[in-house]
Amino acid sequence: MNAALYARVSTKSGRQDTDNQLRQLREFCRKQEWEIVEEYVDRATGKHSDREQFQAMFAAASRREFDLVLFWSLDRFSREGTVETLQHLQRLTSYGVAWRSFTEQYLDSTGFFRDAVIGILAAVAKQERVRLSERVLAGLERAKVQGRIGGRPRVRRERDRDAAKIREMRDEGDSYTDIADSLGRSRSDIVRVCGALNCAPTA
């Protein structure tokens, strides 16, 4: 069987290394008499699927360049959540490529427990989707109670406390800077209020 190895660490700082993962994966393949045709290594978070080597592995899998993907553990393969991880595994299966975890023997699409494992993952994924939906609905209800629509706060437009004075001073020809100094406010504040009041366009 032709195998591809996938290894990942979550940092580029050098404090973690994939050597330990790869060494064990290579030894396992040697004992199984599997030929390693490619090794894919990412040094990035597993919470996103746009990892360069992760995507390269799937591209090669779609071309059936190997028969199986071996990874050290499921969280090294992906940490995006059960729903997304299940989708990745099913995607490999749809290409006709098997998958296996080195440290989690039950995670083996070629083993006796494959259907049971997929069923469990699917059930957990379904529960995640239900919880997400519940959280979204709860968030919308909370926003409604707090006077927000669609999660966005309502904009309350109140008349500026100094509006009358600002208009009066602008009508008398005072500059934005003079008004700001007089009222102890910033020039940008005065410009904003004047814009809302359609004050005279003087300097």
N, C-alpha and C. Protein backbone atom coordinates (compact mmCIF):
# COMPACT_ATOMS: atom_id res chain seq x y z
N MET A 1 0.84 -1.19 0.00
CA MET A 1 0.00 0.00 0.00
C MET A 1 0.88 1.25 0.00
N ASN A 2 0.51 2.22 -0.81
CA ASN A 2 1.22 3.49 -0.85
C ASN A 2 0.59 4.45 0.18
N ALA A 3 1.43 5.02 1.00
CA ALA A 3 0.92 5.87 2.08
C ALA A 3 1.51 7.27 2.01
N ALA A 4 0.72 8.23 2.46
CA ALA A 4 1.18 9.60 2.64
C ALA A 4 1.13 9.92 4.12
N LEU A 5 2.13 10.59 4.63
CA LEU A 5 2.17 10.97 6.04
C LEU A 5 1.78 12.44 6.18
N TYR A 6 1.02 12.73 7.23
CA TYR A 6 0.71 14.13 7.53
C TYR A 6 1.10 14.41 8.97
N ALA A 7 1.91 15.45 9.15
CA ALA A 7 2.35 15.87 10.48
C ALA A 7 2.15 17.37 10.61
N ARG A 8 1.88 17.81 11.85
CA ARG A 8 1.64 19.23 12.07
C ARG A 8 2.03 19.62 13.49
N VAL A 9 2.63 20.80 13.60
CA VAL A 9 2.79 21.45 14.89
C VAL A 9 2.19 22.84 14.76
N SER A 10 1.81 23.41 15.88
CA SER A 10 1.04 24.65 15.82
C SER A 10 1.88 25.91 15.93
N THR A 11 3.18 25.80 15.88
CA THR A 11 4.02 26.98 16.00
C THR A 11 5.17 26.94 15.02
N LYS A 12 5.64 28.13 14.63
CA LYS A 12 6.79 28.25 13.75
C LYS A 12 8.03 28.69 14.54
N SER A 13 7.89 28.74 15.85
CA SER A 13 8.97 29.29 16.68
C SER A 13 10.12 28.32 16.90
N GLY A 14 9.90 27.06 16.55
CA GLY A 14 10.96 26.08 16.74
C GLY A 14 10.87 25.34 18.05
N ARG A 15 9.94 25.75 18.94
CA ARG A 15 9.78 25.08 20.23
C ARG A 15 9.08 23.73 20.08
N GLN A 16 8.43 23.53 18.94
CA GLN A 16 7.81 22.24 18.64
C GLN A 16 8.41 21.74 17.33
N ASP A 17 8.41 20.44 17.17
CA ASP A 17 8.96 19.89 15.95
C ASP A 17 8.15 18.68 15.53
N THR A 18 8.13 18.42 14.24
CA THR A 18 7.39 17.27 13.72
C THR A 18 8.24 16.01 13.65
N ASP A 19 9.51 16.10 13.99
CA ASP A 19 10.41 14.95 13.86
C ASP A 19 9.91 13.73 14.63
N ASN A 20 9.44 13.96 15.87
CA ASN A 20 8.96 12.84 16.67
C ASN A 20 7.76 12.16 16.01
N GLN A 21 6.85 12.97 15.49
CA GLN A 21 5.69 12.41 14.80
C GLN A 21 6.12 11.59 13.59
N LEU A 22 6.97 12.19 12.77
CA LEU A 22 7.37 11.53 11.52
C LEU A 22 8.16 10.26 11.79
N ARG A 23 9.00 10.30 12.80
CA ARG A 23 9.80 9.11 13.09
C ARG A 23 8.90 7.91 13.43
N GLN A 24 7.89 8.15 14.23
CA GLN A 24 6.98 7.06 14.59
C GLN A 24 6.11 6.63 13.42
N LEU A 25 5.69 7.57 12.62
CA LEU A 25 4.87 7.24 11.46
C LEU A 25 5.66 6.42 10.44
N ARG A 26 6.92 6.80 10.24
CA ARG A 26 7.76 6.05 9.29
C ARG A 26 8.00 4.62 9.78
N GLU A 27 8.26 4.49 11.07
CA GLU A 27 8.50 3.16 11.63
C GLU A 27 7.26 2.29 11.51
N PHE A 28 6.11 2.88 11.74
CA PHE A 28 4.86 2.14 11.63
C PHE A 28 4.66 1.65 10.20
N CYS A 29 4.92 2.53 9.23
CA CYS A 29 4.78 2.14 7.83
C CYS A 29 5.75 1.02 7.47
N ARG A 30 6.97 1.10 8.02
CA ARG A 30 7.95 0.06 7.74
C ARG A 30 7.46 -1.30 8.23
N LYS A 31 6.88 -1.33 9.43
CA LYS A 31 6.38 -2.58 9.97
C LYS A 31 5.19 -3.11 9.18
N GLN A 32 4.38 -2.20 8.65
CA GLN A 32 3.22 -2.61 7.86
C GLN A 32 3.59 -2.93 6.41
N GLU A 33 4.86 -2.64 6.08
CA GLU A 33 5.36 -2.81 4.71
C GLU A 33 4.60 -1.92 3.73
N TRP A 34 4.32 -0.70 4.19
CA TRP A 34 3.71 0.30 3.33
C TRP A 34 4.81 1.19 2.76
N GLU A 35 4.66 1.59 1.53
CA GLU A 35 5.63 2.50 0.90
C GLU A 35 5.18 3.94 1.10
N ILE A 36 6.05 4.75 1.65
CA ILE A 36 5.74 6.17 1.85
C ILE A 36 6.06 6.93 0.56
N VAL A 37 5.03 7.50 -0.04
CA VAL A 37 5.24 8.20 -1.31
C VAL A 37 5.36 9.71 -1.12
N GLU A 38 4.87 10.23 0.03
CA GLU A 38 4.96 11.67 0.27
C GLU A 38 4.76 11.96 1.75
N GLU A 39 5.41 13.03 2.21
CA GLU A 39 5.24 13.50 3.58
C GLU A 39 4.80 14.96 3.53
N TYR A 40 3.71 15.26 4.20
CA TYR A 40 3.18 16.62 4.23
C TYR A 40 3.31 17.16 5.66
N VAL A 41 3.93 18.31 5.79
CA VAL A 41 4.22 18.88 7.11
C VAL A 41 3.79 20.35 7.15
N ASP A 42 2.95 20.66 8.12
CA ASP A 42 2.53 22.05 8.34
C ASP A 42 3.00 22.52 9.70
N ARG A 43 3.40 23.78 9.76
CA ARG A 43 3.70 24.44 11.03
C ARG A 43 2.73 25.60 11.16
N ALA A 44 1.53 25.26 11.56
CA ALA A 44 0.44 26.24 11.63
C ALA A 44 -0.66 25.69 12.51
N THR A 45 -1.56 26.57 12.92
CA THR A 45 -2.69 26.14 13.73
C THR A 45 -3.56 25.15 12.97
N GLY A 46 -4.14 24.21 13.71
CA GLY A 46 -5.02 23.24 13.08
C GLY A 46 -6.46 23.69 13.06
N LYS A 47 -6.71 24.94 13.45
CA LYS A 47 -8.09 25.44 13.52
C LYS A 47 -8.60 25.95 12.17
N HIS A 48 -7.72 25.94 11.17
CA HIS A 48 -8.13 26.37 9.83
C HIS A 48 -7.65 25.34 8.80
N SER A 49 -8.40 25.20 7.73
CA SER A 49 -8.04 24.20 6.72
C SER A 49 -7.21 24.75 5.58
N ASP A 50 -6.90 26.06 5.62
CA ASP A 50 -6.14 26.64 4.53
C ASP A 50 -4.63 26.47 4.72
N ARG A 51 -4.24 25.44 5.48
CA ARG A 51 -2.82 25.11 5.63
C ARG A 51 -2.28 24.63 4.29
N GLU A 52 -1.10 25.11 3.93
CA GLU A 52 -0.55 24.84 2.61
C GLU A 52 -0.39 23.34 2.33
N GLN A 53 0.27 22.64 3.23
CA GLN A 53 0.52 21.22 3.01
C GLN A 53 -0.75 20.39 3.16
N PHE A 54 -1.65 20.82 4.00
CA PHE A 54 -2.93 20.14 4.17
C PHE A 54 -3.70 20.16 2.85
N GLN A 55 -3.72 21.32 2.21
CA GLN A 55 -4.40 21.45 0.93
C GLN A 55 -3.69 20.67 -0.17
N ALA A 56 -2.35 20.67 -0.13
CA ALA A 56 -1.58 19.91 -1.12
C ALA A 56 -1.87 18.41 -0.99
N MET A 57 -2.03 17.95 0.25
CA MET A 57 -2.34 16.55 0.48
C MET A 57 -3.68 16.17 -0.14
N PHE A 58 -4.67 17.02 0.03
CA PHE A 58 -5.99 16.73 -0.54
C PHE A 58 -5.96 16.77 -2.07
N ALA A 59 -5.18 17.69 -2.62
CA ALA A 59 -5.07 17.76 -4.07
C ALA A 59 -4.47 16.46 -4.61
N ALA A 60 -3.43 15.97 -3.93
CA ALA A 60 -2.80 14.71 -4.35
C ALA A 60 -3.75 13.53 -4.14
N ALA A 61 -4.53 13.58 -3.05
CA ALA A 61 -5.49 12.50 -2.78
C ALA A 61 -6.54 12.43 -3.88
N SER A 62 -6.96 13.59 -4.37
CA SER A 62 -7.96 13.60 -5.43
C SER A 62 -7.44 12.98 -6.72
N ARG A 63 -6.11 12.95 -6.85
CA ARG A 63 -5.49 12.33 -8.04
C ARG A 63 -5.08 10.88 -7.75
N ARG A 64 -5.42 10.40 -6.54
CA ARG A 64 -5.11 9.04 -6.11
C ARG A 64 -3.61 8.73 -6.19
N GLU A 65 -2.80 9.67 -5.71
CA GLU A 65 -1.36 9.47 -5.73
C GLU A 65 -0.90 8.56 -4.58
N PHE A 66 -1.81 8.24 -3.68
CA PHE A 66 -1.52 7.30 -2.59
C PHE A 66 -2.83 6.64 -2.18
N ASP A 67 -2.71 5.59 -1.40
CA ASP A 67 -3.89 4.82 -1.00
C ASP A 67 -4.39 5.16 0.39
N LEU A 68 -3.51 5.75 1.20
CA LEU A 68 -3.87 5.99 2.60
C LEU A 68 -3.13 7.19 3.15
N VAL A 69 -3.79 7.94 4.04
CA VAL A 69 -3.16 9.04 4.77
C VAL A 69 -3.01 8.60 6.21
N LEU A 70 -1.78 8.65 6.71
CA LEU A 70 -1.49 8.29 8.10
C LEU A 70 -1.10 9.55 8.85
N PHE A 71 -1.79 9.84 9.95
CA PHE A 71 -1.45 11.00 10.78
C PHE A 71 -1.25 10.53 12.21
N TRP A 72 -0.54 11.33 12.99
CA TRP A 72 -0.15 10.92 14.34
C TRP A 72 -1.34 10.85 15.29
N SER A 73 -2.21 11.87 15.22
CA SER A 73 -3.44 11.88 16.03
C SER A 73 -4.43 12.79 15.34
N LEU A 74 -5.69 12.66 15.70
CA LEU A 74 -6.73 13.43 15.02
C LEU A 74 -6.55 14.92 15.21
N ASP A 75 -6.07 15.35 16.39
CA ASP A 75 -5.89 16.79 16.61
C ASP A 75 -4.68 17.34 15.87
N ARG A 76 -3.78 16.47 15.42
CA ARG A 76 -2.69 16.91 14.54
C ARG A 76 -3.22 17.07 13.11
N PHE A 77 -4.23 16.27 12.78
CA PHE A 77 -4.84 16.32 11.45
C PHE A 77 -5.71 17.57 11.31
N SER A 78 -6.54 17.81 12.32
CA SER A 78 -7.42 18.98 12.30
C SER A 78 -7.93 19.28 13.69
N ARG A 79 -8.06 20.58 13.98
CA ARG A 79 -8.66 21.02 15.24
C ARG A 79 -9.80 21.99 14.96
N GLU A 80 -10.44 21.81 13.82
CA GLU A 80 -11.50 22.74 13.41
C GLU A 80 -12.84 22.44 14.06
N GLY A 81 -12.94 21.30 14.73
CA GLY A 81 -14.22 20.90 15.28
C GLY A 81 -14.68 19.60 14.62
N THR A 82 -15.60 18.92 15.28
CA THR A 82 -16.01 17.60 14.80
C THR A 82 -16.65 17.66 13.42
N VAL A 83 -17.48 18.66 13.18
CA VAL A 83 -18.17 18.75 11.89
C VAL A 83 -17.17 18.85 10.75
N GLU A 84 -16.25 19.81 10.87
CA GLU A 84 -15.28 20.03 9.79
C GLU A 84 -14.33 18.84 9.65
N THR A 85 -13.88 18.30 10.77
CA THR A 85 -12.96 17.16 10.73
C THR A 85 -13.61 15.97 10.06
N LEU A 86 -14.85 15.71 10.39
CA LEU A 86 -15.59 14.62 9.75
C LEU A 86 -15.69 14.84 8.25
N GLN A 87 -15.92 16.07 7.85
CA GLN A 87 -16.00 16.38 6.42
C GLN A 87 -14.68 16.11 5.72
N HIS A 88 -13.56 16.42 6.38
CA HIS A 88 -12.25 16.14 5.79
C HIS A 88 -12.04 14.64 5.60
N LEU A 89 -12.40 13.87 6.61
CA LEU A 89 -12.24 12.41 6.52
C LEU A 89 -13.14 11.83 5.44
N GLN A 90 -14.36 12.33 5.36
CA GLN A 90 -15.28 11.85 4.33
C GLN A 90 -14.82 12.24 2.94
N ARG A 91 -14.16 13.37 2.86
CA ARG A 91 -13.62 13.81 1.57
C ARG A 91 -12.53 12.85 1.09
N LEU A 92 -11.66 12.44 2.00
CA LEU A 92 -10.65 11.45 1.63
C LEU A 92 -11.31 10.16 1.17
N THR A 93 -12.31 9.74 1.92
CA THR A 93 -13.02 8.50 1.56
C THR A 93 -13.65 8.62 0.18
N SER A 94 -14.20 9.79 -0.14
CA SER A 94 -14.83 9.98 -1.45
C SER A 94 -13.82 9.88 -2.58
N TYR A 95 -12.55 10.17 -2.28
CA TYR A 95 -11.49 10.03 -3.29
C TYR A 95 -11.00 8.59 -3.39
N GLY A 96 -11.51 7.73 -2.51
CA GLY A 96 -11.03 6.35 -2.49
C GLY A 96 -9.73 6.20 -1.73
N VAL A 97 -9.44 7.18 -0.85
CA VAL A 97 -8.21 7.17 -0.05
C VAL A 97 -8.57 6.86 1.39
N ALA A 98 -7.91 5.87 1.96
CA ALA A 98 -8.16 5.50 3.35
C ALA A 98 -7.40 6.44 4.29
N TRP A 99 -7.71 6.38 5.57
CA TRP A 99 -7.03 7.23 6.57
C TRP A 99 -6.92 6.46 7.87
N ARG A 100 -5.91 6.86 8.64
CA ARG A 100 -5.66 6.16 9.90
C ARG A 100 -4.88 7.06 10.85
N SER A 101 -5.24 6.97 12.14
CA SER A 101 -4.51 7.67 13.19
C SER A 101 -3.54 6.69 13.83
N PHE A 102 -2.32 7.13 14.03
CA PHE A 102 -1.30 6.27 14.64
C PHE A 102 -1.58 6.02 16.12
N THR A 103 -1.95 7.06 16.84
CA THR A 103 -2.12 6.93 18.29
C THR A 103 -3.54 6.54 18.70
N GLU A 104 -4.50 6.64 17.79
CA GLU A 104 -5.88 6.30 18.09
C GLU A 104 -6.31 5.17 17.15
N GLN A 105 -6.08 3.95 17.58
CA GLN A 105 -6.25 2.79 16.71
C GLN A 105 -7.67 2.61 16.21
N TYR A 106 -8.63 3.14 16.95
CA TYR A 106 -10.02 3.02 16.51
C TYR A 106 -10.34 3.94 15.33
N LEU A 107 -9.49 4.96 15.11
CA LEU A 107 -9.68 5.86 13.98
C LEU A 107 -8.96 5.29 12.76
N ASP A 108 -9.61 4.34 12.12
CA ASP A 108 -8.99 3.60 11.02
C ASP A 108 -10.08 3.24 10.02
N SER A 109 -10.06 3.88 8.86
CA SER A 109 -11.11 3.62 7.87
C SER A 109 -10.96 2.26 7.22
N THR A 110 -9.86 1.56 7.51
CA THR A 110 -9.68 0.21 6.95
C THR A 110 -9.99 -0.85 8.00
N GLY A 111 -10.30 -0.44 9.22
CA GLY A 111 -10.49 -1.39 10.31
C GLY A 111 -11.93 -1.85 10.49
N PHE A 112 -12.11 -2.74 11.46
CA PHE A 112 -13.42 -3.33 11.73
C PHE A 112 -14.42 -2.31 12.27
N PHE A 113 -13.89 -1.28 12.97
CA PHE A 113 -14.78 -0.34 13.65
C PHE A 113 -15.04 0.93 12.83
N ARG A 114 -14.68 0.89 11.56
CA ARG A 114 -14.80 2.09 10.73
C ARG A 114 -16.22 2.66 10.77
N ASP A 115 -17.24 1.84 10.49
CA ASP A 115 -18.62 2.33 10.43
C ASP A 115 -19.06 2.88 11.78
N ALA A 116 -18.65 2.21 12.85
CA ALA A 116 -19.02 2.66 14.19
C ALA A 116 -18.39 4.01 14.49
N VAL A 117 -17.12 4.17 14.14
CA VAL A 117 -16.42 5.43 14.40
C VAL A 117 -17.05 6.56 13.62
N ILE A 118 -17.33 6.33 12.33
CA ILE A 118 -17.95 7.35 11.50
C ILE A 118 -19.32 7.72 12.07
N GLY A 119 -20.04 6.71 12.54
CA GLY A 119 -21.36 6.97 13.11
C GLY A 119 -21.27 7.84 14.36
N ILE A 120 -20.29 7.55 15.21
CA ILE A 120 -20.10 8.35 16.42
C ILE A 120 -19.72 9.78 16.07
N LEU A 121 -18.77 9.94 15.16
CA LEU A 121 -18.35 11.28 14.74
C LEU A 121 -19.51 12.05 14.13
N ALA A 122 -20.32 11.36 13.33
CA ALA A 122 -21.47 12.02 12.71
C ALA A 122 -22.48 12.48 13.76
N ALA A 123 -22.69 11.64 14.79
CA ALA A 123 -23.61 11.99 15.87
C ALA A 123 -23.11 13.21 16.64
N VAL A 124 -21.81 13.22 16.94
CA VAL A 124 -21.21 14.36 17.64
C VAL A 124 -21.31 15.62 16.78
N ALA A 125 -21.05 15.47 15.48
CA ALA A 125 -21.13 16.60 14.56
C ALA A 125 -22.55 17.16 14.52
N LYS A 126 -23.53 16.27 14.53
CA LYS A 126 -24.93 16.71 14.53
C LYS A 126 -25.24 17.50 15.78
N GLN A 127 -24.76 17.04 16.93
CA GLN A 127 -24.98 17.75 18.18
C GLN A 127 -24.30 19.12 18.17
N GLU A 128 -23.12 19.20 17.54
CA GLU A 128 -22.43 20.49 17.43
C GLU A 128 -23.26 21.47 16.61
N ARG A 129 -23.85 20.96 15.51
CA ARG A 129 -24.68 21.83 14.67
C ARG A 129 -25.91 22.30 15.44
N VAL A 130 -26.51 21.41 16.23
CA VAL A 130 -27.68 21.77 17.02
C VAL A 130 -27.31 22.83 18.05
N ARG A 131 -26.18 22.63 18.74
CA ARG A 131 -25.75 23.61 19.75
C ARG A 131 -25.45 24.95 19.11
N LEU A 132 -24.82 24.95 17.92
CA LEU A 132 -24.51 26.19 17.23
C LEU A 132 -25.80 26.93 16.88
N SER A 133 -26.77 26.18 16.37
CA SER A 133 -28.05 26.78 16.02
C SER A 133 -28.72 27.37 17.24
N GLU A 134 -28.67 26.65 18.36
CA GLU A 134 -29.27 27.14 19.60
C GLU A 134 -28.58 28.40 20.08
N ARG A 135 -27.24 28.45 19.95
CA ARG A 135 -26.50 29.64 20.38
C ARG A 135 -26.86 30.84 19.53
N VAL A 136 -27.02 30.62 18.22
CA VAL A 136 -27.38 31.72 17.32
C VAL A 136 -28.76 32.26 17.67
N LEU A 137 -29.73 31.35 17.88
CA LEU A 137 -31.08 31.78 18.23
C LEU A 137 -31.10 32.50 19.56
N ALA A 138 -30.33 31.99 20.52
CA ALA A 138 -30.27 32.63 21.83
C ALA A 138 -29.65 34.03 21.71
N GLY A 139 -28.64 34.15 20.86
CA GLY A 139 -27.99 35.45 20.66
C GLY A 139 -28.93 36.46 20.04
N LEU A 140 -29.73 36.01 19.06
CA LEU A 140 -30.69 36.91 18.42
C LEU A 140 -31.77 37.34 19.41
N GLU A 141 -32.22 36.39 20.24
CA GLU A 141 -33.25 36.71 21.23
C GLU A 141 -32.71 37.71 22.26
N ARG A 142 -31.44 37.49 22.68
CA ARG A 142 -30.82 38.41 23.64
C ARG A 142 -30.67 39.80 23.03
N ALA A 143 -30.30 39.85 21.74
CA ALA A 143 -30.15 41.14 21.06
C ALA A 143 -31.50 41.86 20.96
N LYS A 144 -32.55 41.08 20.74
CA LYS A 144 -33.89 41.66 20.65
C LYS A 144 -34.30 42.27 21.97
N VAL A 145 -34.04 41.54 23.06
CA VAL A 145 -34.38 42.02 24.40
C VAL A 145 -33.61 43.30 24.72
N GLN A 146 -32.36 43.37 24.25
CA GLN A 146 -31.51 44.53 24.53
C GLN A 146 -31.76 45.68 23.55
N GLY A 147 -32.76 45.51 22.69
CA GLY A 147 -33.12 46.58 21.77
C GLY A 147 -32.29 46.64 20.53
N ARG A 148 -31.71 45.49 20.14
CA ARG A 148 -30.91 45.44 18.92
C ARG A 148 -31.62 44.60 17.89
N ILE A 149 -31.41 44.91 16.65
CA ILE A 149 -32.00 44.17 15.54
C ILE A 149 -30.90 43.52 14.74
N GLY A 150 -31.00 42.21 14.54
CA GLY A 150 -29.99 41.51 13.77
C GLY A 150 -28.61 41.56 14.39
N GLY A 151 -28.58 41.74 15.71
CA GLY A 151 -27.30 41.74 16.40
C GLY A 151 -26.59 43.08 16.38
N ARG A 152 -27.13 44.05 15.65
CA ARG A 152 -26.49 45.36 15.57
C ARG A 152 -27.20 46.33 16.52
N PRO A 153 -26.47 47.13 17.25
CA PRO A 153 -27.10 48.05 18.19
C PRO A 153 -27.87 49.15 17.48
N ARG A 154 -29.00 49.52 18.06
CA ARG A 154 -29.75 50.64 17.51
C ARG A 154 -28.97 51.93 17.71
N VAL A 155 -29.03 52.79 16.72
CA VAL A 155 -28.35 54.08 16.81
C VAL A 155 -29.33 55.11 17.34
N ARG A 156 -29.03 55.64 18.46
CA ARG A 156 -29.88 56.66 19.05
C ARG A 156 -29.29 58.03 18.74
N ARG A 157 -30.09 58.82 18.04
CA ARG A 157 -29.61 60.13 17.64
C ARG A 157 -30.16 61.17 18.63
N GLU A 158 -29.30 61.73 19.41
CA GLU A 158 -29.72 62.73 20.39
C GLU A 158 -29.10 64.08 20.00
N ARG A 159 -29.85 65.12 20.28
CA ARG A 159 -29.36 66.46 19.98
C ARG A 159 -28.16 66.78 20.87
N ASP A 160 -27.08 67.31 20.27
CA ASP A 160 -25.89 67.64 21.02
C ASP A 160 -26.19 68.71 22.05
N ARG A 161 -25.61 68.56 23.24
CA ARG A 161 -25.88 69.47 24.34
C ARG A 161 -25.46 70.90 24.03
N ASP A 162 -24.46 71.06 23.15
CA ASP A 162 -23.96 72.40 22.84
C ASP A 162 -24.44 72.87 21.48
N ALA A 163 -25.42 72.18 20.91
CA ALA A 163 -25.82 72.47 19.53
C ALA A 163 -26.19 73.94 19.32
N ALA A 164 -27.03 74.47 20.19
CA ALA A 164 -27.49 75.84 20.03
C ALA A 164 -26.31 76.82 20.09
N LYS A 165 -25.42 76.60 21.05
CA LYS A 165 -24.27 77.50 21.20
C LYS A 165 -23.35 77.39 20.00
N ILE A 166 -23.14 76.15 19.51
CA ILE A 166 -22.25 75.96 18.37
C ILE A 166 -22.81 76.66 17.14
N ARG A 167 -24.12 76.51 16.89
CA ARG A 167 -24.72 77.18 15.73
C ARG A 167 -24.59 78.69 15.85
N GLU A 168 -24.84 79.20 17.05
CA GLU A 168 -24.75 80.64 17.27
C GLU A 168 -23.36 81.15 16.97
N MET A 169 -22.33 80.43 17.47
CA MET A 169 -20.95 80.88 17.27
C MET A 169 -20.55 80.77 15.81
N ARG A 170 -21.04 79.74 15.12
CA ARG A 170 -20.71 79.59 13.69
C ARG A 170 -21.36 80.71 12.89
N ASP A 171 -22.61 81.05 13.27
CA ASP A 171 -23.31 82.12 12.56
C ASP A 171 -22.60 83.46 12.75
N GLU A 172 -21.89 83.59 13.88
CA GLU A 172 -21.15 84.82 14.14
C GLU A 172 -19.77 84.79 13.50
N GLY A 173 -19.43 83.68 12.83
CA GLY A 173 -18.17 83.60 12.10
C GLY A 173 -17.02 82.98 12.85
N ASP A 174 -17.27 82.42 14.04
CA ASP A 174 -16.19 81.77 14.79
C ASP A 174 -15.73 80.51 14.07
N SER A 175 -14.45 80.24 14.13
CA SER A 175 -13.89 79.05 13.48
C SER A 175 -14.15 77.81 14.33
N TYR A 176 -13.97 76.62 13.70
CA TYR A 176 -14.12 75.36 14.43
C TYR A 176 -13.18 75.32 15.64
N THR A 177 -11.96 75.79 15.43
CA THR A 177 -10.96 75.76 16.49
C THR A 177 -11.34 76.67 17.64
N ASP A 178 -11.85 77.90 17.30
CA ASP A 178 -12.26 78.84 18.34
C ASP A 178 -13.41 78.27 19.16
N ILE A 179 -14.36 77.63 18.47
CA ILE A 179 -15.52 77.07 19.17
C ILE A 179 -15.09 75.93 20.08
N ALA A 180 -14.18 75.10 19.55
CA ALA A 180 -13.68 73.96 20.33
C ALA A 180 -12.98 74.44 21.59
N ASP A 181 -12.13 75.44 21.44
CA ASP A 181 -11.41 75.98 22.60
C ASP A 181 -12.37 76.58 23.61
N SER A 182 -13.39 77.25 23.11
CA SER A 182 -14.33 77.92 23.99
C SER A 182 -15.18 76.92 24.79
N LEU A 183 -15.52 75.82 24.15
CA LEU A 183 -16.39 74.84 24.80
C LEU A 183 -15.62 73.69 25.43
N GLY A 184 -14.29 73.70 25.27
CA GLY A 184 -13.48 72.63 25.85
C GLY A 184 -13.70 71.30 25.16
N ARG A 185 -13.88 71.34 23.85
CA ARG A 185 -14.10 70.12 23.08
C ARG A 185 -13.10 70.05 21.95
N SER A 186 -13.05 68.91 21.28
CA SER A 186 -12.10 68.77 20.17
C SER A 186 -12.66 69.41 18.91
N ARG A 187 -11.74 69.81 18.03
CA ARG A 187 -12.15 70.43 16.76
C ARG A 187 -12.98 69.46 15.93
N SER A 188 -12.58 68.17 15.92
CA SER A 188 -13.31 67.18 15.12
C SER A 188 -14.75 67.03 15.63
N ASP A 189 -14.94 67.15 16.95
CA ASP A 189 -16.27 67.11 17.55
C ASP A 189 -17.13 68.23 17.00
N ILE A 190 -16.56 69.42 16.96
CA ILE A 190 -17.29 70.60 16.49
C ILE A 190 -17.64 70.45 15.01
N VAL A 191 -16.69 69.94 14.23
CA VAL A 191 -16.95 69.73 12.80
C VAL A 191 -18.11 68.76 12.61
N ARG A 192 -18.13 67.69 13.41
CA ARG A 192 -19.19 66.68 13.30
C ARG A 192 -20.55 67.29 13.63
N VAL A 193 -20.61 68.06 14.71
CA VAL A 193 -21.89 68.68 15.10
C VAL A 193 -22.34 69.67 14.07
N CYS A 194 -21.41 70.44 13.56
CA CYS A 194 -21.76 71.43 12.55
C CYS A 194 -22.28 70.77 11.28
N GLY A 195 -21.69 69.64 10.96
CA GLY A 195 -22.16 68.91 9.79
C GLY A 195 -23.61 68.48 9.96
N ALA A 196 -23.95 68.02 11.17
CA ALA A 196 -25.33 67.58 11.44
C ALA A 196 -26.28 68.76 11.46
N LEU A 197 -25.78 69.95 11.85
CA LEU A 197 -26.62 71.13 11.95
C LEU A 197 -26.66 71.94 10.66
N ASN A 198 -25.83 71.53 9.68
CA ASN A 198 -25.72 72.28 8.42
C ASN A 198 -25.34 73.73 8.69
N CYS A 199 -24.33 73.89 9.53
CA CYS A 199 -23.86 75.23 9.84
C CYS A 199 -23.20 75.87 8.63
N ALA A 200 -22.95 77.15 8.76
CA ALA A 200 -22.30 77.88 7.69
C ALA A 200 -20.91 77.28 7.42
N PRO A 201 -20.54 77.06 6.17
CA PRO A 201 -19.26 76.39 5.82
C PRO A 201 -18.09 77.34 5.87
N THR A 202 -17.80 77.92 7.04
CA THR A 202 -16.63 78.75 7.19
C THR A 202 -15.50 77.95 7.77
N ALA A 203 -14.27 78.48 7.84
CA ALA A 203 -13.11 77.73 8.29
C ALA A 203 -13.16 77.41 9.76
